[in-house]
Protein backbone atom coordinates (compact mmCIF):
# COMPACT_ATOMS: atom_id res chain seq x y z
CA MET A 1 30.94 11.45 -8.15
CA LEU A 2 28.16 8.86 -8.28
CA ILE A 3 28.87 5.27 -7.30
CA ALA A 4 26.05 2.87 -8.19
CA HIS A 5 25.25 -0.70 -9.19
CA GLY A 6 26.44 -1.12 -12.76
CA GLU A 7 23.27 -2.97 -13.77
CA GLY A 8 20.83 -0.79 -11.86
CA GLU A 9 18.31 1.78 -13.02
CA LEU A 10 20.14 4.68 -11.35
CA TYR A 11 23.35 3.85 -13.20
CA ARG A 12 21.47 3.59 -16.49
CA ARG A 13 19.77 6.95 -16.03
CA ALA A 14 23.01 8.65 -15.01
CA SER A 15 25.14 7.03 -17.70
CA GLU A 16 25.52 10.27 -19.67
CA GLY A 17 26.97 12.20 -16.75
CA PRO A 18 30.62 12.47 -15.66
CA ASP A 19 32.40 10.70 -12.80
CA LEU A 20 30.12 7.64 -12.74
CA VAL A 21 31.61 4.51 -11.18
CA PRO A 22 29.98 1.04 -11.14
CA LEU A 23 30.30 -0.77 -7.84
CA ALA A 24 28.04 -3.53 -6.49
CA PRO A 25 28.53 -5.30 -3.14
CA ARG A 26 27.59 -8.98 -3.18
CA SER A 27 26.53 -8.82 0.47
CA GLU A 28 26.40 -6.37 3.33
CA VAL A 29 29.90 -7.39 4.42
CA ASP A 30 31.72 -7.48 1.07
CA LEU A 31 35.29 -6.68 2.01
CA SER A 32 36.56 -6.71 -1.57
CA THR A 33 34.04 -4.08 -2.69
CA ALA A 34 34.68 -2.02 0.45
CA TRP A 35 38.40 -2.06 -0.36
CA LYS A 36 37.70 -0.81 -3.88
CA LEU A 37 35.61 2.01 -2.40
CA SER A 38 38.40 2.93 0.01
CA ARG A 39 40.79 3.28 -2.95
CA ILE A 40 38.29 5.58 -4.70
CA LEU A 41 38.04 7.73 -1.58
CA ARG A 42 41.81 8.02 -1.27
CA GLN A 43 42.00 9.01 -4.95
CA TRP A 44 39.23 11.64 -4.85
CA HIS A 45 39.51 13.02 -1.28
CA PRO A 46 35.77 13.93 -1.01
CA GLN A 47 34.50 16.09 1.81
CA ILE A 48 31.18 14.23 1.96
CA LEU A 49 30.42 10.53 1.52
CA HIS A 50 26.65 10.08 1.23
CA ALA A 51 25.25 6.56 1.71
CA HIS A 52 21.66 6.10 0.53
CA ASP A 53 20.71 2.64 1.84
CA PRO A 54 21.83 0.17 4.55
CA HIS A 55 24.25 -1.74 2.28
CA ALA A 56 25.81 1.53 1.20
CA VAL A 57 26.27 2.47 4.87
CA ALA A 58 28.09 -0.82 5.45
CA MET A 59 30.35 -0.30 2.44
CA ALA A 60 31.12 3.29 3.47
CA ALA A 61 31.89 2.36 7.07
CA LEU A 62 34.13 -0.53 6.03
CA ALA A 63 35.90 1.59 3.39
CA LEU A 64 36.68 4.30 5.93
CA SER A 65 38.01 1.67 8.36
CA PHE A 66 40.48 0.45 5.72
CA GLY A 67 42.23 3.79 5.76
CA ALA A 68 40.49 7.04 4.96
CA PRO A 69 42.11 9.98 3.19
CA ASP A 70 43.20 12.94 5.27
CA PRO A 71 41.01 14.80 6.01
CA CYS A 72 38.46 12.04 6.49
CA PRO A 73 35.17 12.41 4.57
CA ARG A 74 32.11 13.13 6.67
CA LEU A 75 29.67 10.22 6.35
CA VAL A 76 26.07 11.29 5.70
CA VAL A 77 23.41 8.58 5.86
CA SER A 78 19.98 8.80 4.26
CA ARG A 79 17.14 7.03 6.03
CA ARG A 80 13.93 6.73 3.99
CA VAL A 81 12.08 3.87 5.71
CA ASP A 82 10.26 3.84 9.03
CA PHE A 83 11.86 0.56 10.15
CA HIS A 84 13.99 0.37 13.26
CA LEU A 85 17.73 -0.07 12.89
CA GLN A 86 18.88 -3.64 13.22
CA PRO A 87 20.05 -4.40 16.76
CA HIS A 88 23.02 -6.67 15.98
CA SER A 89 26.61 -5.61 16.63
CA PHE A 90 27.62 -4.92 13.02
CA SER A 91 24.60 -2.66 12.51
CA ARG A 92 25.41 -0.71 15.66
CA TRP A 93 29.03 -0.37 14.57
CA LYS A 94 28.34 0.84 11.03
CA TYR A 95 25.81 3.48 12.11
CA ARG A 96 28.24 4.76 14.77
CA GLN A 97 30.52 5.84 11.91
CA ALA A 98 27.96 8.35 10.61
CA HIS A 99 28.33 12.07 11.19
CA LEU A 100 24.79 12.97 10.15
CA PHE A 101 21.51 11.26 9.29
CA ILE A 102 19.10 12.70 6.73
CA ALA A 103 15.60 11.47 7.60
CA ALA A 104 12.89 11.66 4.95
CA SER A 105 10.23 12.48 7.54
CA ASP A 106 9.71 13.45 11.17
CA ALA A 107 8.34 9.96 11.74
CA ILE A 108 11.72 8.51 10.73
CA ARG A 109 13.51 11.04 12.93
CA THR A 110 11.52 9.77 15.91
CA ILE A 111 12.45 6.16 15.17
CA LEU A 112 16.14 7.03 14.84
CA GLU A 113 16.09 8.86 18.17
CA HIS A 114 14.37 5.84 19.76
CA ASP A 115 17.16 3.65 18.37
CA GLY A 116 19.84 5.70 20.08
CA ILE A 117 20.87 8.25 17.45
CA PRO A 118 21.50 11.64 19.13
CA PRO A 119 18.96 14.28 17.99
CA GLN A 120 21.73 16.69 16.98
CA GLN A 121 22.90 14.18 14.38
CA ILE A 122 19.56 14.01 12.56
CA VAL A 123 18.06 16.45 10.07
CA VAL A 124 14.74 16.04 8.26
CA VAL A 125 14.69 16.66 4.51
CA HIS A 126 11.42 15.76 2.82
CA ASP A 127 11.35 14.41 -0.72
CA GLY A 128 11.03 16.97 -3.49
CA ILE A 129 8.76 16.86 -6.51
CA ASP A 130 9.16 18.90 -9.69
CA VAL A 131 5.52 19.93 -9.94
CA ALA A 132 5.97 21.76 -13.24
CA LYS A 133 7.58 18.70 -14.83
CA VAL A 134 4.84 16.40 -13.57
CA SER A 135 2.18 18.80 -14.84
CA ARG A 136 3.74 18.80 -18.32
CA LEU A 137 3.67 15.01 -18.64
CA PRO A 138 1.15 13.78 -21.22
CA THR A 139 -1.81 11.84 -19.86
CA VAL A 140 -2.19 8.20 -20.89
CA ASP A 141 -5.81 7.16 -20.42
CA MET A 142 -6.10 3.98 -18.35
CA HIS A 143 -9.56 3.25 -19.76
CA THR A 144 -8.06 2.89 -23.21
CA GLU A 145 -4.80 1.28 -22.09
CA PHE A 146 -6.44 -1.44 -19.98
CA TRP A 147 -9.83 -1.74 -21.71
CA LEU A 148 -11.76 -0.36 -18.75
CA PRO A 149 -15.41 0.66 -19.23
CA HIS A 150 -15.68 4.21 -20.52
CA GLY A 151 -16.41 6.63 -17.69
CA ALA A 152 -15.81 4.10 -14.91
CA PRO A 153 -14.14 5.65 -11.83
CA VAL A 154 -10.54 4.49 -11.40
CA LEU A 155 -8.56 4.07 -8.19
CA VAL A 156 -4.82 3.70 -8.45
CA ASN A 157 -2.07 2.41 -6.16
CA VAL A 158 1.66 2.43 -6.91
CA GLY A 159 4.18 0.39 -4.96
CA ALA A 160 6.16 -2.81 -4.74
CA LEU A 161 3.98 -5.84 -4.09
CA VAL A 162 5.37 -6.47 -0.61
CA GLY A 163 3.72 -6.79 2.77
CA HIS A 164 4.37 -3.33 4.18
CA LYS A 165 2.72 -1.64 1.18
CA GLY A 166 -0.62 -3.09 2.32
CA GLN A 167 -2.21 -3.85 -1.05
CA LYS A 168 -3.88 -6.85 0.62
CA HIS A 169 -6.00 -4.51 2.73
CA LEU A 170 -6.85 -2.35 -0.28
CA ILE A 171 -8.08 -5.39 -2.21
CA ASP A 172 -10.10 -6.45 0.84
CA ALA A 173 -11.74 -3.02 0.76
CA MET A 174 -12.87 -3.33 -2.86
CA PRO A 175 -16.02 -5.46 -2.30
CA LEU A 176 -17.21 -2.76 0.10
CA VAL A 177 -16.42 -0.06 -2.44
CA LEU A 178 -18.28 -1.93 -5.18
CA ARG A 179 -21.34 -2.23 -3.00
CA ASP A 180 -21.76 1.56 -3.25
CA VAL A 181 -19.92 2.27 -6.51
CA PRO A 182 -20.48 -0.83 -8.68
CA ASP A 183 -18.48 0.37 -11.67
CA ALA A 184 -15.30 1.30 -9.73
CA HIS A 185 -11.98 -0.19 -10.86
CA LEU A 186 -8.66 -0.49 -9.05
CA VAL A 187 -5.31 -0.54 -10.90
CA ILE A 188 -2.21 -1.48 -8.90
CA PHE A 189 1.19 -0.70 -10.43
CA GLY A 190 4.28 -2.54 -9.23
CA GLU A 191 5.90 -5.94 -8.97
CA GLY A 192 7.02 -8.02 -6.02
CA GLU A 193 6.99 -11.27 -4.14
CA LEU A 194 3.31 -11.04 -3.21
CA ARG A 195 1.96 -11.05 -6.78
CA PRO A 196 0.83 -14.72 -6.64
CA ALA A 197 -0.87 -14.20 -3.28
CA LEU A 198 -2.61 -11.02 -4.44
CA GLU A 199 -3.73 -12.70 -7.68
CA LYS A 200 -5.28 -15.50 -5.63
CA GLN A 201 -6.94 -12.98 -3.31
CA ILE A 202 -8.44 -11.15 -6.30
CA LYS A 203 -9.74 -14.42 -7.71
CA ASP A 204 -11.14 -15.64 -4.38
CA LEU A 205 -13.02 -12.35 -3.91
CA HIS A 206 -14.35 -12.51 -7.50
CA LEU A 207 -12.71 -9.17 -8.31
CA ASP A 208 -11.14 -10.22 -11.60
CA LYS A 209 -13.15 -7.65 -13.55
CA HIS A 210 -12.51 -4.81 -11.11
CA VAL A 211 -8.91 -5.15 -9.86
CA LEU A 212 -5.89 -5.20 -12.17
CA LEU A 213 -2.27 -5.87 -11.23
CA ALA A 214 -0.66 -3.83 -14.00
CA GLY A 215 2.97 -4.61 -13.14
CA PHE A 216 5.90 -2.25 -13.57
CA ARG A 217 5.43 0.56 -16.09
CA GLU A 218 7.97 3.22 -16.98
CA ASP A 219 5.06 5.49 -17.96
CA VAL A 220 3.33 5.02 -14.62
CA LEU A 221 3.06 8.77 -13.93
CA GLN A 222 1.33 9.41 -17.26
CA LEU A 223 -1.13 6.61 -16.49
CA VAL A 224 -1.77 7.76 -12.92
CA LYS A 225 -2.74 11.20 -14.23
CA SER A 226 -5.97 9.72 -15.63
CA ALA A 227 -7.11 8.25 -12.29
CA ASP A 228 -9.81 9.66 -10.04
CA VAL A 229 -8.36 8.81 -6.62
CA PHE A 230 -4.90 7.74 -5.45
CA VAL A 231 -4.85 5.20 -2.60
CA MET A 232 -1.82 4.65 -0.35
CA SER A 233 -2.49 1.49 1.67
CA SER A 234 0.88 1.10 3.44
CA VAL A 235 1.21 -0.23 6.96
CA THR A 236 4.71 1.29 7.21
CA GLU A 237 5.98 4.14 5.04
CA GLY A 238 8.88 6.57 5.37
CA LEU A 239 7.06 9.38 3.58
CA GLY A 240 5.61 8.12 0.31
CA SER A 241 6.99 9.89 -2.75
CA THR A 242 4.21 8.38 -4.87
CA VAL A 243 1.74 10.31 -2.72
CA LEU A 244 3.58 13.52 -3.56
CA ASP A 245 3.47 12.64 -7.27
CA ALA A 246 -0.28 12.06 -7.05
CA MET A 247 -0.84 15.35 -5.24
CA ALA A 248 1.25 17.14 -7.86
CA MET A 249 -1.20 15.72 -10.43
CA GLN A 250 -4.15 17.18 -8.49
CA LEU A 251 -5.37 13.76 -7.37
CA PRO A 252 -7.06 13.46 -3.97
CA VAL A 253 -5.40 10.86 -1.75
CA VAL A 254 -6.81 8.21 0.53
CA GLY A 255 -3.90 7.21 2.73
CA THR A 256 -3.20 5.39 5.94
CA ARG A 257 -1.68 7.05 8.98
CA ALA A 258 1.52 5.06 8.50
CA GLY A 259 4.91 6.70 9.08
CA GLY A 260 5.31 10.00 7.27
CA ILE A 261 2.13 9.88 5.17
CA PRO A 262 0.31 12.30 7.53
CA GLU A 263 3.16 14.77 6.96
CA ALA A 264 2.26 14.86 3.28
CA VAL A 265 -1.52 14.42 3.31
CA VAL A 266 -3.57 16.89 5.36
CA ASP A 267 -6.67 15.00 6.44
CA GLY A 268 -9.82 16.64 5.13
CA GLU A 269 -7.85 19.14 3.04
CA THR A 270 -5.71 17.28 0.49
CA GLY A 271 -7.15 13.82 1.11
CA LEU A 272 -8.53 11.46 3.71
CA LEU A 273 -6.46 9.53 6.25
CA VAL A 274 -7.58 6.19 7.68
CA ALA A 275 -6.34 3.70 10.26
CA LEU A 276 -3.80 1.05 9.27
CA ALA A 277 -5.03 -2.31 7.93
CA GLN A 278 -8.70 -1.38 8.22
CA PRO A 279 -10.46 -2.19 4.90
CA PRO A 280 -13.88 -0.86 6.04
CA ASP A 281 -12.38 2.54 6.89
CA MET A 282 -10.46 2.63 3.63
CA ALA A 283 -13.56 1.68 1.65
CA ALA A 284 -15.65 4.39 3.33
CA ALA A 285 -13.06 7.07 2.49
CA ILE A 286 -12.82 5.88 -1.13
CA VAL A 287 -16.60 5.86 -1.57
CA ARG A 288 -16.89 9.34 -0.09
CA LEU A 289 -14.48 10.74 -2.67
CA LEU A 290 -15.88 8.79 -5.60
CA LYS A 291 -19.37 10.10 -4.85
CA ASP A 292 -18.29 13.73 -4.49
CA PRO A 293 -16.59 15.11 -7.64
CA ALA A 294 -16.49 18.62 -6.18
CA LEU A 295 -14.64 17.39 -3.10
CA ARG A 296 -12.17 15.48 -5.28
CA GLU A 297 -11.46 18.60 -7.32
CA CYS A 298 -11.07 20.78 -4.24
CA MET A 299 -8.70 18.34 -2.54
CA GLY A 300 -6.75 17.87 -5.75
CA ARG A 301 -6.09 21.60 -6.09
CA ALA A 302 -5.14 21.86 -2.42
CA GLY A 303 -2.79 18.90 -2.77
CA GLN A 304 -0.95 20.42 -5.70
CA ALA A 305 -0.61 23.73 -3.85
CA ARG A 306 0.78 21.93 -0.77
CA VAL A 307 3.36 19.98 -2.77
CA SER A 308 4.45 23.16 -4.57
CA ALA A 309 4.87 25.02 -1.28
CA GLN A 310 6.28 22.31 1.00
CA PHE A 311 7.75 19.52 -1.14
CA GLY A 312 9.36 21.22 -4.13
CA VAL A 313 12.68 20.13 -5.62
CA ALA A 314 14.39 23.40 -4.68
CA ARG A 315 13.39 22.93 -1.04
CA MET A 316 14.77 19.37 -1.04
CA LEU A 317 18.03 20.44 -2.67
CA GLU A 318 18.58 23.30 -0.24
CA GLY A 319 17.85 21.02 2.71
CA THR A 320 20.34 18.46 1.44
CA LEU A 321 23.03 21.08 0.79
CA ASN A 322 22.52 22.50 4.28
CA ALA A 323 22.96 18.99 5.67
CA TYR A 324 26.23 18.65 3.73
CA ARG A 325 27.45 22.01 5.06
CA ARG A 326 26.57 20.96 8.59
CA ALA A 327 28.36 17.62 8.23
CA ALA A 328 31.44 19.21 6.63
CA ALA A 329 31.77 21.56 9.59
CA MET A 330 31.78 18.70 12.11
CA LYS A 331 34.96 17.54 13.73
CA PRO A 332 36.10 13.98 12.93
CA SER A 333 35.36 12.92 16.47
CA ALA A 334 31.70 13.82 15.97
CA ALA A 335 31.29 10.82 13.70
CA ALA A 336 31.22 8.29 16.49
CA LEU A 337 27.87 7.97 18.18
CA ASN A 338 27.76 7.31 21.87
CA SER A 339 29.11 3.78 22.10
CA SER A 340 26.58 2.99 24.84
CA ALA A 341 23.66 3.62 22.48
CA GLN A 342 21.89 0.35 21.80
CA PRO A 343 19.76 0.51 18.65
CA SER A 344 16.62 -1.54 19.07
CA GLY A 345 13.83 -2.64 16.81
CA ARG A 346 12.62 -5.06 14.22
CA ALA A 347 14.54 -4.88 11.00
């Protein structure tokens, strides 16, 4: 059974499947929605209840507290961001209800352990990419789509326009890139609260003809396939599924050393890794790749091979199923984390 926001993209994409239930909490502590979820659980008697984001964890924990079916479902929690758990009492309580955490990277595992989650209650399951499906996607040429000069090298970034994605630092790097590669263009896909600030930054740096905020595109993967280099500028990042997509397309990656990115990108083999929030370092790595087509091709092939071997869909599915089996075998008492654990951190 899939429970999702009735107006969300996941619900829309899954609308043709069976056992789909719309449910949308108005806040993290929405008792009415949690009660509805508890009724669903008592009706279906699931073995596993998998919560995929912090609000879902809150709803699941509250629903189970209203009276769980017997036997009680094992609560599995996905953690995909490299932020610390919130330190307030409600956050500590809701995460104590979890049997098992699925971390998207080893970097996230380390943060969870730091925040008081016992190591035996954490498994790492990396994202999975269907390389064959990505390879079959038709290419949409960005030069034609966005009226870029024919033959101009194109950098691409995909991500919400929010602070932790670091597009500010990537834009700051562009004047340095243009000094060595004057015809380079940067296309950033995504929307977010920082669009006005980034538009002003582009204007102030006189980059209007070289940096494009292309917004949200459903055909983003087809467009990215025509790029020369993929740039991941994040200052925090759980793993970076867009990096895996780019590698599956045989694009070399310039990425920061944030979170789980180094688990995906092998520095000097599938791309180049740089320090966080350092535009000069980022610019130097971009220029190096733009000036060396042979290196780009070599890293692109190596990236696709790495994704196929280490980040395939089958590997992700098997890891998730193993996590479910492990959680299902746990005793109910294993759900409660050590009550003395005090999660700490920022957000």
